[in-house]
PDB file of N, CA and C in Angstrom:
ATOM      1  N   UNK A   1     -85.434 102.295 -13.665  1.00  0.00           N
ATOM      2  CA  UNK A   1     -84.968 101.063 -12.880  1.00  0.00           C
ATOM      3  C   UNK A   1     -86.312 100.637 -11.993  1.00  0.00           C
ATOM      4  N   UNK A   2     -86.715 101.572 -11.400  1.00  0.00           N
ATOM      5  CA  UNK A   2     -87.876 101.105 -10.362  1.00  0.00           C
ATOM      6  C   UNK A   2     -89.121 100.578 -11.206  1.00  0.00           C
ATOM      7  N   UNK A   3     -89.326 101.205 -12.366  1.00  0.00           N
ATOM      8  CA  UNK A   3     -90.593 100.550 -13.148  1.00  0.00           C
ATOM      9  C   UNK A   3     -90.147  99.217 -13.840  1.00  0.00           C
ATOM     10  N   UNK A   4     -88.914  98.832 -14.113  1.00  0.00           N
ATOM     11  CA  UNK A   4     -88.520  97.539 -14.328  1.00  0.00           C
ATOM     12  C   UNK A   4     -88.632  96.577 -13.265  1.00  0.00           C
ATOM     13  N   UNK A   5     -88.156  96.975 -12.308  1.00  0.00           N
ATOM     14  CA  UNK A   5     -88.142  96.042 -11.037  1.00  0.00           C
ATOM     15  C   UNK A   5     -89.866  95.731 -10.829  1.00  0.00           C
ATOM     16  N   UNK A   6     -90.606  96.684 -10.713  1.00  0.00           N
ATOM     17  CA  UNK A   6     -91.998  96.415 -10.669  1.00  0.00           C
ATOM     18  C   UNK A   6     -92.528  95.380 -11.721  1.00  0.00           C
ATOM     19  N   UNK A   7     -92.048  95.840 -12.869  1.00  0.00           N
ATOM     20  CA  UNK A   7     -92.686  95.047 -14.181  1.00  0.00           C
ATOM     21  C   UNK A   7     -92.220  93.499 -13.846  1.00  0.00           C
ATOM     22  N   UNK A   8     -90.988  93.419 -13.652  1.00  0.00           N
ATOM     23  CA  UNK A   8     -90.579  91.910 -13.426  1.00  0.00           C
ATOM     24  C   UNK A   8     -91.022  91.109 -12.192  1.00  0.00           C
ATOM     25  N   UNK A   9     -91.286  91.991 -11.112  1.00  0.00           N
ATOM     26  CA  UNK A   9     -91.903  91.154  -9.911  1.00  0.00           C
ATOM     27  C   UNK A   9     -93.336  90.831 -10.416  1.00  0.00           C
ATOM     28  N   UNK A  10     -94.110  91.786 -11.028  1.00  0.00           N
ATOM     29  CA  UNK A  10     -95.536  91.571 -11.187  1.00  0.00           C
ATOM     30  C   UNK A  10     -95.611  90.479 -12.231  1.00  0.00           C
ATOM     31  N   UNK A  11     -94.609  90.351 -13.218  1.00  0.00           N
ATOM     32  CA  UNK A  11     -94.787  89.360 -14.281  1.00  0.00           C
ATOM     33  C   UNK A  11     -94.741  87.997 -13.774  1.00  0.00           C
ATOM     34  N   UNK A  12     -94.007  87.860 -12.511  1.00  0.00           N
ATOM     35  CA  UNK A  12     -93.937  86.636 -11.824  1.00  0.00           C
ATOM     36  C   UNK A  12     -94.845  86.408 -10.723  1.00  0.00           C
ATOM     37  N   UNK A  13     -95.999  87.365 -10.821  1.00  0.00           N
ATOM     38  CA  UNK A  13     -97.186  87.242 -10.076  1.00  0.00           C
ATOM     39  C   UNK A  13     -96.995  87.693  -8.641  1.00  0.00           C
ATOM     40  N   UNK A  14     -96.055  88.661  -8.380  1.00  0.00           N
ATOM     41  CA  UNK A  14     -95.779  89.088  -7.063  1.00  0.00           C
ATOM     42  C   UNK A  14     -96.065  90.594  -7.017  1.00  0.00           C
ATOM     43  N   UNK A  15     -96.144  91.172  -5.851  1.00  0.00           N
ATOM     44  CA  UNK A  15     -96.443  92.642  -5.757  1.00  0.00           C
ATOM     45  C   UNK A  15     -95.113  93.279  -5.434  1.00  0.00           C
ATOM     46  N   UNK A  16     -94.989  94.551  -5.979  1.00  0.00           N
ATOM     47  CA  UNK A  16     -93.705  95.488  -5.773  1.00  0.00           C
ATOM     48  C   UNK A  16     -94.240  96.867  -5.132  1.00  0.00           C
ATOM     49  N   UNK A  17     -94.183  96.908  -3.967  1.00  0.00           N
ATOM     50  CA  UNK A  17     -94.802  98.037  -3.257  1.00  0.00           C
ATOM     51  C   UNK A  17     -93.867  99.204  -2.893  1.00  0.00           C
ATOM     52  N   UNK A  18     -94.253 100.244  -2.934  1.00  0.00           N
ATOM     53  CA  UNK A  18     -93.300 101.378  -2.338  1.00  0.00           C
ATOM     54  C   UNK A  18     -93.249 101.251  -0.996  1.00  0.00           C
ATOM     55  N   UNK A  19     -92.208 101.427  -0.439  1.00  0.00           N
ATOM     56  CA  UNK A  19     -92.203 101.504   1.216  1.00  0.00           C
ATOM     57  C   UNK A  19     -91.994 102.714   1.811  1.00  0.00           C
ATOM     58  N   UNK A  20     -92.887 103.634   2.177  1.00  0.00           N
ATOM     59  CA  UNK A  20     -92.532 104.614   2.835  1.00  0.00           C
ATOM     60  C   UNK A  20     -93.050 104.464   4.476  1.00  0.00           C
ATOM     61  N   UNK A  21     -92.154 104.807   5.387  1.00  0.00           N
ATOM     62  CA  UNK A  21     -92.781 104.577   6.920  1.00  0.00           C
ATOM     63  C   UNK A  21     -92.274 105.963   7.754  1.00  0.00           C
ATOM     64  N   UNK A  22     -93.456 106.659   7.939  1.00  0.00           N
ATOM     65  CA  UNK A  22     -93.257 108.023   8.465  1.00  0.00           C
ATOM     66  C   UNK A  22     -92.683 107.884  10.031  1.00  0.00           C
ATOM     67  N   UNK A  23     -91.763 108.479  10.012  1.00  0.00           N
ATOM     68  CA  UNK A  23     -91.137 108.547  11.405  1.00  0.00           C
ATOM     69  C   UNK A  23     -89.712 107.421  11.697  1.00  0.00           C
ATOM     70  N   UNK A  24     -89.732 106.799  10.505  1.00  0.00           N
ATOM     71  CA  UNK A  24     -88.780 105.896  10.664  1.00  0.00           C
ATOM     72  C   UNK A  24     -87.823 105.746   9.336  1.00  0.00           C
ATOM     73  N   UNK A  25     -86.658 106.360   9.524  1.00  0.00           N
ATOM     74  CA  UNK A  25     -85.867 106.611   8.401  1.00  0.00           C
ATOM     75  C   UNK A  25     -84.947 105.460   7.945  1.00  0.00           C
ATOM     76  N   UNK A  26     -84.590 105.094   6.689  1.00  0.00           N
ATOM     77  CA  UNK A  26     -83.552 104.274   6.483  1.00  0.00           C
ATOM     78  C   UNK A  26     -84.213 102.825   5.887  1.00  0.00           C
ATOM     79  N   UNK A  27     -85.590 102.876   5.937  1.00  0.00           N
ATOM     80  CA  UNK A  27     -86.236 101.547   5.227  1.00  0.00           C
ATOM     81  C   UNK A  27     -85.834 101.523   3.736  1.00  0.00           C
ATOM     82  N   UNK A  28     -86.027 100.316   3.238  1.00  0.00           N
ATOM     83  CA  UNK A  28     -85.815 100.239   1.612  1.00  0.00           C
ATOM     84  C   UNK A  28     -86.869 100.490   0.928  1.00  0.00           C
ATOM     85  N   UNK A  29     -86.529 100.844  -0.333  1.00  0.00           N
ATOM     86  CA  UNK A  29     -87.511 101.728  -1.190  1.00  0.00           C
ATOM     87  C   UNK A  29     -88.786 100.781  -1.716  1.00  0.00           C
ATOM     88  N   UNK A  30     -88.440  99.512  -1.825  1.00  0.00           N
ATOM     89  CA  UNK A  30     -89.507  98.674  -2.143  1.00  0.00           C
ATOM     90  C   UNK A  30     -89.583  97.277  -1.418  1.00  0.00           C
ATOM     91  N   UNK A  31     -90.747  96.896  -1.023  1.00  0.00           N
ATOM     92  CA  UNK A  31     -90.955  95.552  -0.460  1.00  0.00           C
ATOM     93  C   UNK A  31     -91.781  94.832  -1.617  1.00  0.00           C
ATOM     94  N   UNK A  32     -91.147  93.588  -1.880  1.00  0.00           N
ATOM     95  CA  UNK A  32     -91.616  92.764  -3.048  1.00  0.00           C
ATOM     96  C   UNK A  32     -92.214  91.327  -2.390  1.00  0.00           C
ATOM     97  N   UNK A  33     -93.544  91.208  -2.551  1.00  0.00           N
ATOM     98  CA  UNK A  33     -94.062  90.086  -1.944  1.00  0.00           C
ATOM     99  C   UNK A  33     -94.202  89.182  -2.940  1.00  0.00           C
ATOM    100  N   UNK A  34     -93.602  88.025  -2.976  1.00  0.00           N
ATOM    101  CA  UNK A  34     -93.454  86.939  -3.804  1.00  0.00           C
ATOM    102  C   UNK A  34     -94.572  85.732  -3.716  1.00  0.00           C
ATOM    103  N   UNK A  35     -94.895  85.135  -4.946  1.00  0.00           N
ATOM    104  CA  UNK A  35     -95.483  84.023  -4.735  1.00  0.00           C
ATOM    105  C   UNK A  35     -94.866  82.906  -3.835  1.00  0.00           C
ATOM    106  N   UNK A  36     -95.425  82.332  -2.917  1.00  0.00           N
ATOM    107  CA  UNK A  36     -94.811  81.204  -2.059  1.00  0.00           C
ATOM    108  C   UNK A  36     -94.549  81.715  -0.786  1.00  0.00           C
ATOM    109  N   UNK A  37     -94.848  82.918  -0.658  1.00  0.00           N
ATOM    110  CA  UNK A  37     -94.506  83.665   0.822  1.00  0.00           C
ATOM    111  C   UNK A  37     -93.263  84.385   1.040  1.00  0.00           C
ATOM    112  N   UNK A  38     -92.308  84.408   0.072  1.00  0.00           N
ATOM    113  CA  UNK A  38     -91.243  85.174   0.046  1.00  0.00           C
ATOM    114  C   UNK A  38     -91.470  86.711  -0.085  1.00  0.00           C
ATOM    115  N   UNK A  39     -90.624  87.354   0.968  1.00  0.00           N
ATOM    116  CA  UNK A  39     -90.568  88.779   0.876  1.00  0.00           C
ATOM    117  C   UNK A  39     -89.113  89.323   0.782  1.00  0.00           C
ATOM    118  N   UNK A  40     -89.088  90.304  -0.503  1.00  0.00           N
ATOM    119  CA  UNK A  40     -87.758  90.665  -0.671  1.00  0.00           C
ATOM    120  C   UNK A  40     -87.734  92.329  -0.436  1.00  0.00           C
ATOM    121  N   UNK A  41     -86.809  92.762   0.245  1.00  0.00           N
ATOM    122  CA  UNK A  41     -86.694  94.191   0.479  1.00  0.00           C
ATOM    123  C   UNK A  41     -85.565  94.851  -0.625  1.00  0.00           C
ATOM    124  N   UNK A  42     -85.819  96.028  -1.209  1.00  0.00           N
ATOM    125  CA  UNK A  42     -84.912  96.160  -2.273  1.00  0.00           C
ATOM    126  C   UNK A  42     -84.580  97.786  -2.102  1.00  0.00           C
ATOM    127  N   UNK A  43     -83.482  98.028  -2.002  1.00  0.00           N
ATOM    128  CA  UNK A  43     -82.992  99.675  -1.994  1.00  0.00           C
ATOM    129  C   UNK A  43     -82.627  99.751  -3.509  1.00  0.00           C
ATOM    130  N   UNK A  44     -83.126 100.985  -4.196  1.00  0.00           N
ATOM    131  CA  UNK A  44     -82.752 101.273  -5.322  1.00  0.00           C
ATOM    132  C   UNK A  44     -81.739 102.452  -5.511  1.00  0.00           C
ATOM    133  N   UNK A  45     -80.779 102.594  -5.937  1.00  0.00           N
ATOM    134  CA  UNK A  45     -79.644 103.243  -6.000  1.00  0.00           C
ATOM    135  C   UNK A  45     -79.424 103.799  -7.374  1.00  0.00           C
ATOM    136  N   UNK A  46     -78.816 105.089  -7.642  1.00  0.00           N
ATOM    137  CA  UNK A  46     -78.609 105.680  -9.080  1.00  0.00           C
ATOM    138  C   UNK A  46     -77.470 104.613  -9.531  1.00  0.00           C
ATOM    139  N   UNK A  47     -77.197 104.518 -10.777  1.00  0.00           N
ATOM    140  CA  UNK A  47     -76.270 103.753 -11.449  1.00  0.00           C
ATOM    141  C   UNK A  47     -74.948 104.480 -11.008  1.00  0.00           C
ATOM    142  N   UNK A  48     -74.035 103.298 -10.412  1.00  0.00           N
ATOM    143  CA  UNK A  48     -72.728 103.619  -9.862  1.00  0.00           C
ATOM    144  C   UNK A  48     -72.686 104.033  -8.319  1.00  0.00           C
ATOM    145  N   UNK A  49     -73.898 104.077  -7.892  1.00  0.00           N
ATOM    146  CA  UNK A  49     -74.086 104.598  -6.358  1.00  0.00           C
ATOM    147  C   UNK A  49     -74.472 103.512  -5.367  1.00  0.00           C
ATOM    148  N   UNK A  50     -74.289 102.270  -5.881  1.00  0.00           N
ATOM    149  CA  UNK A  50     -74.707 101.109  -5.010  1.00  0.00           C
ATOM    150  C   UNK A  50     -74.054 101.137  -3.526  1.00  0.00           C
ATOM    151  N   UNK A  51     -72.900 101.686  -3.259  1.00  0.00           N
ATOM    152  CA  UNK A  51     -72.364 101.703  -2.089  1.00  0.00           C
ATOM    153  C   UNK A  51     -72.674 103.067  -1.255  1.00  0.00           C
ATOM    154  N   UNK A  52     -73.470 103.834  -1.750  1.00  0.00           N
ATOM    155  CA  UNK A  52     -73.765 105.056  -1.070  1.00  0.00           C
ATOM    156  C   UNK A  52     -74.918 104.831  -0.128  1.00  0.00           C
ATOM    157  N   UNK A  53     -75.051 103.662   0.774  1.00  0.00           N
ATOM    158  CA  UNK A  53     -76.109 103.830   1.665  1.00  0.00           C
ATOM    159  C   UNK A  53     -75.831 104.675   3.021  1.00  0.00           C
ATOM    160  N   UNK A  54     -76.763 105.268   3.434  1.00  0.00           N
ATOM    161  CA  UNK A  54     -76.604 106.123   4.606  1.00  0.00           C
ATOM    162  C   UNK A  54     -76.422 105.311   5.825  1.00  0.00           C
ATOM    163  N   UNK A  55     -75.971 105.749   6.758  1.00  0.00           N
ATOM    164  CA  UNK A  55     -75.763 104.993   7.997  1.00  0.00           C
ATOM    165  C   UNK A  55     -77.202 104.361   8.525  1.00  0.00           C
ATOM    166  N   UNK A  56     -78.353 105.128   8.473  1.00  0.00           N
ATOM    167  CA  UNK A  56     -79.541 104.633   8.689  1.00  0.00           C
ATOM    168  C   UNK A  56     -80.012 103.593   8.008  1.00  0.00           C
ATOM    169  N   UNK A  57     -79.642 103.563   6.684  1.00  0.00           N
ATOM    170  CA  UNK A  57     -80.141 102.678   5.659  1.00  0.00           C
ATOM    171  C   UNK A  57     -79.301 101.329   6.160  1.00  0.00           C
ATOM    172  N   UNK A  58     -78.039 101.405   6.363  1.00  0.00           N
ATOM    173  CA  UNK A  58     -77.316 100.264   6.632  1.00  0.00           C
ATOM    174  C   UNK A  58     -77.665  99.544   7.793  1.00  0.00           C
ATOM    175  N   UNK A  59     -78.154 100.434   9.003  1.00  0.00           N
ATOM    176  CA  UNK A  59     -78.504  99.755  10.129  1.00  0.00           C
ATOM    177  C   UNK A  59     -79.777  99.129   9.999  1.00  0.00           C
ATOM    178  N   UNK A  60     -80.639  99.739   9.057  1.00  0.00           N
ATOM    179  CA  UNK A  60     -82.108  99.096   9.052  1.00  0.00           C
ATOM    180  C   UNK A  60     -82.043  97.707   8.194  1.00  0.00           C
ATOM    181  N   UNK A  61     -81.095  97.834   7.190  1.00  0.00           N
ATOM    182  CA  UNK A  61     -80.698  96.588   6.516  1.00  0.00           C
ATOM    183  C   UNK A  61     -80.246  95.545   7.392  1.00  0.00           C
ATOM    184  N   UNK A  62     -79.395  95.932   8.405  1.00  0.00           N
ATOM    185  CA  UNK A  62     -78.703  94.668   9.165  1.00  0.00           C
ATOM    186  C   UNK A  62     -79.871  94.234   9.960  1.00  0.00           C
ATOM    187  N   UNK A  63     -80.872  95.114  10.419  1.00  0.00           N
ATOM    188  CA  UNK A  63     -81.821  94.573  11.232  1.00  0.00           C
ATOM    189  C   UNK A  63     -82.851  93.555  10.515  1.00  0.00           C
ATOM    190  N   UNK A  64     -83.076  93.978   9.323  1.00  0.00           N
ATOM    191  CA  UNK A  64     -83.858  92.927   8.438  1.00  0.00           C
ATOM    192  C   UNK A  64     -83.232  91.731   8.101  1.00  0.00           C
ATOM    193  N   UNK A  65     -81.872  91.727   7.975  1.00  0.00           N
ATOM    194  CA  UNK A  65     -81.038  90.451   7.632  1.00  0.00           C
ATOM    195  C   UNK A  65     -80.965  89.744   8.920  1.00  0.00           C
ATOM    196  N   UNK A  66     -80.819  90.353  10.018  1.00  0.00           N
ATOM    197  CA  UNK A  66     -80.840  89.512  11.426  1.00  0.00           C
ATOM    198  C   UNK A  66     -82.215  88.872  11.635  1.00  0.00           C
ATOM    199  N   UNK A  67     -83.307  89.470  11.098  1.00  0.00           N
ATOM    200  CA  UNK A  67     -84.488  88.743  11.195  1.00  0.00           C
ATOM    201  C   UNK A  67     -84.851  87.655  10.077  1.00  0.00           C
ATOM    202  N   UNK A  68     -83.822  87.433   9.385  1.00  0.00           N
ATOM    203  CA  UNK A  68     -83.908  86.467   8.347  1.00  0.00           C
ATOM    204  C   UNK A  68     -84.459  86.886   6.977  1.00  0.00           C
ATOM    205  N   UNK A  69     -84.546  88.117   6.705  1.00  0.00           N
ATOM    206  CA  UNK A  69     -85.006  88.555   5.285  1.00  0.00           C
ATOM    207  C   UNK A  69     -83.737  88.996   4.328  1.00  0.00           C
ATOM    208  N   UNK A  70     -84.291  88.849   3.077  1.00  0.00           N
ATOM    209  CA  UNK A  70     -83.356  89.387   2.038  1.00  0.00           C
ATOM    210  C   UNK A  70     -83.382  90.770   1.799  1.00  0.00           C
ATOM    211  N   UNK A  71     -82.298  91.506   1.842  1.00  0.00           N
ATOM    212  CA  UNK A  71     -82.327  92.634   1.633  1.00  0.00           C
ATOM    213  C   UNK A  71     -81.207  93.148   0.200  1.00  0.00           C
ATOM    214  N   UNK A  72     -81.818  93.762  -0.913  1.00  0.00           N
ATOM    215  CA  UNK A  72     -81.081  93.790  -2.293  1.00  0.00           C
ATOM    216  C   UNK A  72     -80.857  95.241  -2.375  1.00  0.00           C
ATOM    217  N   UNK A  73     -79.470  95.479  -2.590  1.00  0.00           N
ATOM    218  CA  UNK A  73     -79.289  97.017  -3.102  1.00  0.00           C
ATOM    219  C   UNK A  73     -78.977  96.778  -4.576  1.00  0.00           C
ATOM    220  N   UNK A  74     -79.756  97.499  -5.445  1.00  0.00           N
ATOM    221  CA  UNK A  74     -79.398  97.367  -6.955  1.00  0.00           C
ATOM    222  C   UNK A  74     -79.435  98.911  -7.573  1.00  0.00           C
ATOM    223  N   UNK A  75     -78.378  98.936  -8.492  1.00  0.00           N
ATOM    224  CA  UNK A  75     -78.052 100.234  -9.249  1.00  0.00           C
ATOM    225  C   UNK A  75     -77.910 100.020 -10.536  1.00  0.00           C
ATOM    226  N   UNK A  76     -78.602  99.016 -11.138  1.00  0.00           N
ATOM    227  CA  UNK A  76     -78.577  98.971 -12.491  1.00  0.00           C
ATOM    228  C   UNK A  76     -79.586  97.870 -13.079  1.00  0.00           C
ATOM    229  N   UNK A  77     -79.842  97.793 -14.370  1.00  0.00           N
ATOM    230  CA  UNK A  77     -80.746  96.951 -14.736  1.00  0.00           C
ATOM    231  C   UNK A  77     -80.371  95.513 -14.782  1.00  0.00           C
ATOM    232  N   UNK A  78     -79.010  95.240 -14.805  1.00  0.00           N
ATOM    233  CA  UNK A  78     -78.515  94.037 -14.784  1.00  0.00           C
ATOM    234  C   UNK A  78     -78.619  93.509 -13.492  1.00  0.00           C
ATOM    235  N   UNK A  79     -78.513  94.379 -12.414  1.00  0.00           N
ATOM    236  CA  UNK A  79     -78.732  93.847 -10.947  1.00  0.00           C
ATOM    237  C   UNK A  79     -80.011  93.604 -10.622  1.00  0.00           C
ATOM    238  N   UNK A  80     -81.062  94.402 -11.540  1.00  0.00           N
ATOM    239  CA  UNK A  80     -82.398  93.914 -11.190  1.00  0.00           C
ATOM    240  C   UNK A  80     -82.662  92.394 -11.840  1.00  0.00           C
ATOM    241  N   UNK A  81     -81.963  92.079 -12.936  1.00  0.00           N
ATOM    242  CA  UNK A  81     -82.231  90.859 -13.556  1.00  0.00           C
ATOM    243  C   UNK A  81     -81.385  89.729 -12.608  1.00  0.00           C
ATOM    244  N   UNK A  82     -80.211  90.090 -12.097  1.00  0.00           N
ATOM    245  CA  UNK A  82     -79.618  89.052 -11.088  1.00  0.00           C
ATOM    246  C   UNK A  82     -80.443  88.923  -9.910  1.00  0.00           C
ATOM    247  N   UNK A  83     -81.175  89.788  -9.338  1.00  0.00           N
ATOM    248  CA  UNK A  83     -81.942  89.725  -8.484  1.00  0.00           C
ATOM    249  C   UNK A  83     -83.383  88.647  -8.599  1.00  0.00           C
ATOM    250  N   UNK A  84     -84.016  88.919  -9.920  1.00  0.00           N
ATOM    251  CA  UNK A  84     -84.853  88.039 -10.165  1.00  0.00           C
ATOM    252  C   UNK A  84     -84.387  86.665 -10.383  1.00  0.00           C
ATOM    253  N   UNK A  85     -83.198  86.337 -11.051  1.00  0.00           N
ATOM    254  CA  UNK A  85     -82.544  85.157 -11.272  1.00  0.00           C
ATOM    255  C   UNK A  85     -82.346  84.560 -10.155  1.00  0.00           C
ATOM    256  N   UNK A  86     -81.785  85.072  -9.264  1.00  0.00           N
ATOM    257  CA  UNK A  86     -81.418  84.526  -7.674  1.00  0.00           C
ATOM    258  C   UNK A  86     -82.592  83.904  -7.102  1.00  0.00           C
ATOM    259  N   UNK A  87     -83.728  84.923  -7.056  1.00  0.00           N
ATOM    260  CA  UNK A  87     -84.843  84.539  -6.456  1.00  0.00           C
ATOM    261  C   UNK A  87     -85.689  83.455  -7.083  1.00  0.00           C
ATOM    262  N   UNK A  88     -85.705  83.307  -8.409  1.00  0.00           N
ATOM    263  CA  UNK A  88     -86.007  82.123  -9.251  1.00  0.00           C
ATOM    264  C   UNK A  88     -85.344  80.774  -8.759  1.00  0.00           C
ATOM    265  N   UNK A  89     -84.087  81.031  -8.412  1.00  0.00           N
ATOM    266  CA  UNK A  89     -83.365  79.819  -8.417  1.00  0.00           C
ATOM    267  C   UNK A  89     -83.445  79.335  -6.886  1.00  0.00           C
ATOM    268  N   UNK A  90     -83.971  80.062  -5.950  1.00  0.00           N
ATOM    269  CA  UNK A  90     -84.091  79.810  -4.552  1.00  0.00           C
ATOM    270  C   UNK A  90     -85.176  78.898  -4.260  1.00  0.00           C
TER     271      UNK A  90
END
């Protein structure tokens, strides 16, 4: 699923970067920098585990959304497609 997300984002001219932040736990797995200045934060979960966010992840996602950023949690190829479709329509 991670490869599909990266491939889809890059096909639209964006960057899909793995986010690791030493000393700060709970950050989303990927930062997607899109044409036009949009930045998407994406948490990838195993199929059927979409709601398995740790308290640290929930807290960090909340901080990002309070700052006006979009945070996506995806756990299937269909949800990757939904993310792309929603971004393209915005």
